[in-house]
């Protein structure tokens, strides 16, 4: 347990930051899961509308340093390839 007041404050700050990061990560995962569900159900119109939103959410997580750029690029690339396969 923290002894000094500054260490206690840092512990509180860390807990708040973690809550925000977990929330953002969960939001990204939810959007990706929704898009994958639409792709597997062959709902082209809805998937096409959702894809730019998913890209935006993933890149927001990168800008907040919650995801690394390569991880985000890999996710977007995977989703993009699935979207192309859906269109054909």
Protein backbone atom coordinates (compact mmCIF):
# COMPACT_ATOMS: atom_id res chain seq x y z
CA UNK A 1 0.00 0.00 0.00
CA UNK A 2 1.11 3.56 -0.65
CA UNK A 3 2.74 5.47 2.18
CA UNK A 4 3.17 9.02 0.94
CA UNK A 5 0.40 11.31 -0.17
CA UNK A 6 1.92 11.67 -3.64
CA UNK A 7 2.04 7.89 -4.04
CA UNK A 8 -1.61 7.64 -2.99
CA UNK A 9 -2.56 10.31 -5.53
CA UNK A 10 -0.60 8.52 -8.26
CA UNK A 11 -2.44 5.30 -7.39
CA UNK A 12 -5.79 7.08 -7.83
CA UNK A 13 -4.68 8.62 -11.13
CA UNK A 14 -3.50 5.26 -12.38
CA UNK A 15 -6.85 3.66 -11.56
CA UNK A 16 -8.74 6.41 -13.44
CA UNK A 17 -6.48 6.09 -16.48
CA UNK A 18 -6.87 2.32 -16.49
CA UNK A 19 -10.66 2.64 -16.45
CA UNK A 20 -10.57 4.97 -19.48
CA UNK A 21 -8.18 2.68 -21.35
CA UNK A 22 -10.27 -0.42 -20.64
CA UNK A 23 -13.39 1.41 -21.81
CA UNK A 24 -11.76 2.50 -25.07
CA UNK A 25 -10.34 -0.96 -25.75
CA UNK A 26 -13.74 -2.52 -25.10
CA UNK A 27 -15.37 -0.03 -27.47
CA UNK A 28 -12.94 -0.95 -30.26
CA UNK A 29 -13.50 -4.66 -29.70
CA UNK A 30 -17.27 -4.19 -29.78
CA UNK A 31 -17.16 -2.33 -33.10
CA UNK A 32 -14.84 -4.93 -34.64
CA UNK A 33 -17.09 -7.74 -33.41
CA UNK A 34 -20.19 -6.04 -34.87
CA UNK A 35 -18.49 -5.65 -38.24
CA UNK A 36 -17.30 -9.26 -38.30
CA UNK A 37 -20.83 -10.40 -37.45
CA UNK A 38 -22.26 -8.37 -40.33
CA UNK A 39 -19.64 -9.79 -42.69
CA UNK A 40 -20.40 -13.39 -41.71
CA UNK A 41 -24.13 -12.74 -42.17
CA UNK A 42 -23.44 -11.30 -45.67
CA UNK A 43 -25.07 -7.95 -44.88
CA UNK A 44 -23.13 -5.87 -47.41
CA UNK A 45 -24.94 -2.56 -46.98
CA UNK A 46 -24.67 -2.43 -43.17
CA UNK A 47 -21.07 -3.64 -43.21
CA UNK A 48 -20.12 -1.02 -45.79
CA UNK A 49 -21.64 1.71 -43.62
CA UNK A 50 -19.96 0.45 -40.44
CA UNK A 51 -16.47 -0.10 -41.86
CA UNK A 52 -15.32 3.59 -41.85
CA UNK A 53 -16.61 3.98 -38.30
CA UNK A 54 -14.61 0.95 -37.19
CA UNK A 55 -11.49 2.33 -38.87
CA UNK A 56 -11.99 5.63 -37.09
CA UNK A 57 -12.43 3.99 -33.68
CA UNK A 58 -9.30 1.88 -34.12
CA UNK A 59 -7.23 4.89 -35.13
CA UNK A 60 -8.58 6.91 -32.19
CA UNK A 61 -7.28 4.16 -29.90
CA UNK A 62 -3.89 4.51 -31.61
CA UNK A 63 -3.86 8.27 -31.09
CA UNK A 64 -4.62 7.74 -27.39
CA UNK A 65 -1.77 5.19 -27.27
CA UNK A 66 -4.08 2.37 -26.24
CA UNK A 67 -3.25 0.30 -29.32
CA UNK A 68 0.03 0.26 -31.21
CA UNK A 69 0.02 1.41 -34.81
CA UNK A 70 1.05 -1.97 -36.21
CA UNK A 71 -1.71 -3.71 -34.26
CA UNK A 72 -4.28 -1.26 -35.58
CA UNK A 73 -2.95 -1.60 -39.13
CA UNK A 74 -3.19 -5.37 -38.88
CA UNK A 75 -6.80 -5.20 -37.64
CA UNK A 76 -7.83 -2.75 -40.35
CA UNK A 77 -6.08 -4.80 -43.03
CA UNK A 78 -7.81 -8.00 -41.89
CA UNK A 79 -11.20 -6.27 -41.90
CA UNK A 80 -10.51 -4.65 -45.26
CA UNK A 81 -9.68 -8.01 -46.83
CA UNK A 82 -12.88 -9.49 -45.42
CA UNK A 83 -14.85 -6.54 -46.81
CA UNK A 84 -13.32 -7.06 -50.27
CA UNK A 85 -14.22 -10.76 -50.15
CA UNK A 86 -17.78 -9.81 -49.15
CA UNK A 87 -18.12 -7.43 -52.12
CA UNK A 88 -17.18 -10.17 -54.61
